[in-house]
């Protein structure tokens, strides 16, 4: 079994934290993992992207070929569209529906939503920032997104990912762990 995942977003949104959580879960489950990250201009709000390859067999490359991604997990809808050439025909997009407008020529939001809705692929969208604020942890929008995507990762169970959330945030104290577990659970409960 294998799963190729592209994580994408804008610098500071927590993409690399999601990659760390998935990596922790894979390591605990003895799943082979290869990861490649592109930080770009992340400190200035530029794009951040990570290729995560998970498999029960040996993985020979850390890069996902075009048309090979099973899942695109995106903190931002335009970034999800940017990586469409990498999505497999039966791949899934899990994305925030809240644009992060960081450039002057950012496309119209409705145009982005129309493009996503027109895709033949399954697209799951949610205002993850609003969910994170509602659960009292606005900084955990990325963990809400991971909870939404858990069902589509498949090679790792939701429970394994949830346990990895607790492990990764353990050094930040019990309140941060609980807030992130709540965020994960709310994302995971989204009707898909």
Protein backbone atom coordinates (compact mmCIF):
# COMPACT_ATOMS: atom_id res chain seq x y z
CA UNK A 1 0.00 0.00 0.00
CA UNK A 2 1.19 3.54 -0.73
CA UNK A 3 -0.05 7.10 -0.47
CA UNK A 4 1.51 10.15 -2.15
CA UNK A 5 0.51 13.48 -0.59
CA UNK A 6 1.22 17.06 -1.58
CA UNK A 7 0.93 19.58 1.24
CA UNK A 8 0.77 23.19 0.17
CA UNK A 9 0.03 26.67 1.42
CA UNK A 10 1.65 29.95 2.26
CA UNK A 11 4.56 30.53 4.62
CA UNK A 12 3.46 30.60 8.26
CA UNK A 13 0.26 28.57 7.81
CA UNK A 14 1.62 25.39 9.37
CA UNK A 15 2.24 23.15 6.35
CA UNK A 16 5.51 21.84 7.75
CA UNK A 17 3.79 21.08 11.08
CA UNK A 18 1.28 18.90 9.21
CA UNK A 19 4.21 17.13 7.50
CA UNK A 20 5.85 16.57 10.89
CA UNK A 21 2.66 15.09 12.36
CA UNK A 22 2.17 12.72 9.41
CA UNK A 23 5.85 11.77 9.59
CA UNK A 24 5.55 10.98 13.31
CA UNK A 25 2.49 8.79 12.69
CA UNK A 26 4.25 6.98 9.83
CA UNK A 27 7.35 6.34 11.94
CA UNK A 28 5.29 4.91 14.82
CA UNK A 29 3.40 2.68 12.36
CA UNK A 30 6.63 1.47 10.69
CA UNK A 31 5.51 2.92 7.35
CA UNK A 32 8.28 3.95 4.95
CA UNK A 33 8.39 7.73 4.44
CA UNK A 34 10.18 10.07 2.07
CA UNK A 35 9.70 13.82 2.24
CA UNK A 36 10.84 16.74 0.10
CA UNK A 37 10.08 20.33 1.02
CA UNK A 38 10.12 23.54 -0.98
CA UNK A 39 10.11 26.62 1.21
CA UNK A 40 10.36 29.28 -1.48
CA UNK A 41 9.82 32.73 -0.01
CA UNK A 42 7.95 31.32 2.98
CA UNK A 43 9.14 34.00 5.37
CA UNK A 44 7.52 36.62 3.14
CA UNK A 45 4.22 34.85 2.63
CA UNK A 46 5.42 32.85 -0.35
CA UNK A 47 4.34 29.35 -1.23
CA UNK A 48 5.40 26.34 0.83
CA UNK A 49 5.03 22.83 -0.51
CA UNK A 50 5.97 19.39 0.74
CA UNK A 51 5.91 16.02 -1.02
CA UNK A 52 5.15 13.18 1.39
CA UNK A 53 5.43 9.64 0.13
CA UNK A 54 4.21 6.86 2.42
CA UNK A 55 4.45 3.17 1.58
CA UNK A 56 4.61 -0.30 3.06
CA UNK A 57 7.24 -1.02 0.36
CA UNK A 58 10.58 0.66 -0.35
CA UNK A 59 10.33 4.21 -1.71
CA UNK A 60 13.03 5.14 -4.20
CA UNK A 61 12.31 8.83 -4.78
CA UNK A 62 11.14 11.61 -2.51
CA UNK A 63 9.44 13.52 -5.34
CA UNK A 64 5.90 12.83 -6.52
CA UNK A 65 5.63 12.69 -10.33
CA UNK A 66 3.00 14.65 -12.22
CA UNK A 67 -0.30 12.80 -12.05
CA UNK A 68 0.90 10.78 -9.06
CA UNK A 69 -0.49 12.54 -5.96
CA UNK A 70 -3.32 10.72 -4.24
CA UNK A 71 -4.16 13.71 -2.06
CA UNK A 72 -3.49 17.44 -2.15
CA UNK A 73 -3.87 18.98 1.30
CA UNK A 74 -3.92 22.75 0.95
CA UNK A 75 -4.20 25.57 3.46
CA UNK A 76 -5.34 27.85 0.65
CA UNK A 77 -7.51 27.30 -2.47
CA UNK A 78 -5.21 28.94 -5.04
CA UNK A 79 -2.31 26.78 -3.85
CA UNK A 80 -4.48 23.67 -4.31
CA UNK A 81 -5.04 24.69 -7.93
CA UNK A 82 -1.33 25.41 -8.43
CA UNK A 83 -0.50 21.73 -7.83
CA UNK A 84 -3.29 20.21 -9.96
CA UNK A 85 -0.82 18.81 -12.53
CA UNK A 86 0.44 16.50 -9.78
CA UNK A 87 -2.98 15.16 -8.79
CA UNK A 88 -3.90 11.64 -9.91
CA UNK A 89 -7.10 11.19 -11.93
CA UNK A 90 -8.79 9.69 -8.86
CA UNK A 91 -6.99 11.97 -6.39
CA UNK A 92 -8.69 14.07 -3.72
CA UNK A 93 -8.23 17.74 -2.80
CA UNK A 94 -8.73 18.78 0.82
CA UNK A 95 -8.49 22.56 1.18
CA UNK A 96 -9.45 25.60 3.14
CA UNK A 97 -12.09 27.66 1.40
CA UNK A 98 -10.61 30.88 2.76
CA UNK A 99 -8.20 32.56 0.34
CA UNK A 100 -4.97 34.01 1.71
CA UNK A 101 -4.69 37.13 -0.43
CA UNK A 102 -1.00 37.93 -0.39
CA UNK A 103 -0.40 39.24 -3.92
CA UNK A 104 -1.93 42.18 -5.79
CA UNK A 105 -3.24 40.07 -8.70
CA UNK A 106 -4.80 37.35 -6.54
CA UNK A 107 -7.66 35.73 -8.50
CA UNK A 108 -11.29 36.38 -7.64
CA UNK A 109 -12.42 34.00 -4.88
CA UNK A 110 -15.52 32.89 -6.76
CA UNK A 111 -13.36 32.05 -9.78
CA UNK A 112 -11.21 29.80 -7.57
CA UNK A 113 -14.27 28.06 -6.12
CA UNK A 114 -15.76 27.59 -9.61
CA UNK A 115 -12.51 26.02 -10.85
CA UNK A 116 -12.41 23.65 -7.89
CA UNK A 117 -16.11 22.75 -8.30
CA UNK A 118 -15.58 22.00 -12.01
CA UNK A 119 -12.89 19.40 -11.33
CA UNK A 120 -13.75 15.74 -11.85
CA UNK A 121 -11.91 14.99 -8.59
CA UNK A 122 -13.44 14.94 -5.13
CA UNK A 123 -12.89 18.32 -3.45
CA UNK A 124 -13.49 18.82 0.27
CA UNK A 125 -13.50 22.46 1.45
CA UNK A 126 -14.10 24.14 4.79
CA UNK A 127 -13.37 27.46 6.48
CA UNK A 128 -10.75 25.89 8.73
CA UNK A 129 -9.85 29.21 10.32
CA UNK A 130 -13.42 29.71 11.55
CA UNK A 131 -13.50 26.16 12.95
CA UNK A 132 -10.17 26.74 14.74
CA UNK A 133 -11.46 30.01 16.23
CA UNK A 134 -14.70 28.33 17.32
CA UNK A 135 -12.74 25.69 19.20
CA UNK A 136 -10.71 28.38 20.94
CA UNK A 137 -7.44 27.81 19.11
CA UNK A 138 -7.10 30.07 16.05
CA UNK A 139 -3.53 28.88 15.42
CA UNK A 140 -4.67 25.28 14.93
CA UNK A 141 -6.37 25.73 11.54
CA UNK A 142 -3.71 23.46 10.02
CA UNK A 143 -4.65 20.68 12.45
CA UNK A 144 -8.33 21.12 11.51
CA UNK A 145 -7.24 20.61 7.89
CA UNK A 146 -5.27 17.49 8.82
CA UNK A 147 -8.35 16.12 10.59
CA UNK A 148 -10.38 16.70 7.41
CA UNK A 149 -7.74 14.92 5.31
CA UNK A 150 -7.26 11.95 7.67
CA UNK A 151 -9.90 9.85 5.95
CA UNK A 152 -8.11 10.20 2.60
CA UNK A 153 -4.61 9.41 3.88
CA UNK A 154 -5.78 5.79 4.41
CA UNK A 155 -2.35 4.22 4.94
CA UNK A 156 -2.45 5.76 8.44
CA UNK A 157 -5.51 5.61 10.64
CA UNK A 158 -7.18 8.70 12.07
CA UNK A 159 -6.23 7.39 15.52
CA UNK A 160 -2.54 7.18 14.53
CA UNK A 161 -2.63 10.74 13.23
CA UNK A 162 -4.45 11.94 16.35
CA UNK A 163 -1.83 10.28 18.58
CA UNK A 164 0.92 11.96 16.54
CA UNK A 165 -0.75 15.35 17.11
CA UNK A 166 -0.48 14.74 20.86
CA UNK A 167 3.16 13.66 20.55
CA UNK A 168 4.24 16.60 18.40
CA UNK A 169 2.61 19.20 20.66
CA UNK A 170 3.60 17.49 23.95
CA UNK A 171 6.46 19.89 24.66
CA UNK A 172 4.04 22.84 24.53
CA UNK A 173 1.94 21.65 27.45
CA UNK A 174 -1.41 20.02 28.11
CA UNK A 175 -3.56 23.02 27.07
CA UNK A 176 -1.93 23.15 23.61
CA UNK A 177 -2.26 19.38 23.21
CA UNK A 178 -5.96 19.49 24.10
CA UNK A 179 -6.64 22.45 21.79
CA UNK A 180 -4.99 20.69 18.86
CA UNK A 181 -6.74 17.39 19.56
CA UNK A 182 -10.05 19.25 19.60
CA UNK A 183 -9.14 20.93 16.30
CA UNK A 184 -8.22 17.57 14.76
CA UNK A 185 -11.46 15.98 15.97
CA UNK A 186 -13.58 18.83 14.58
CA UNK A 187 -11.86 18.54 11.20
CA UNK A 188 -12.21 14.77 11.28
CA UNK A 189 -15.94 15.05 11.98
CA UNK A 190 -16.62 17.10 8.82
CA UNK A 191 -19.15 15.25 6.69
CA UNK A 192 -17.18 14.15 3.69
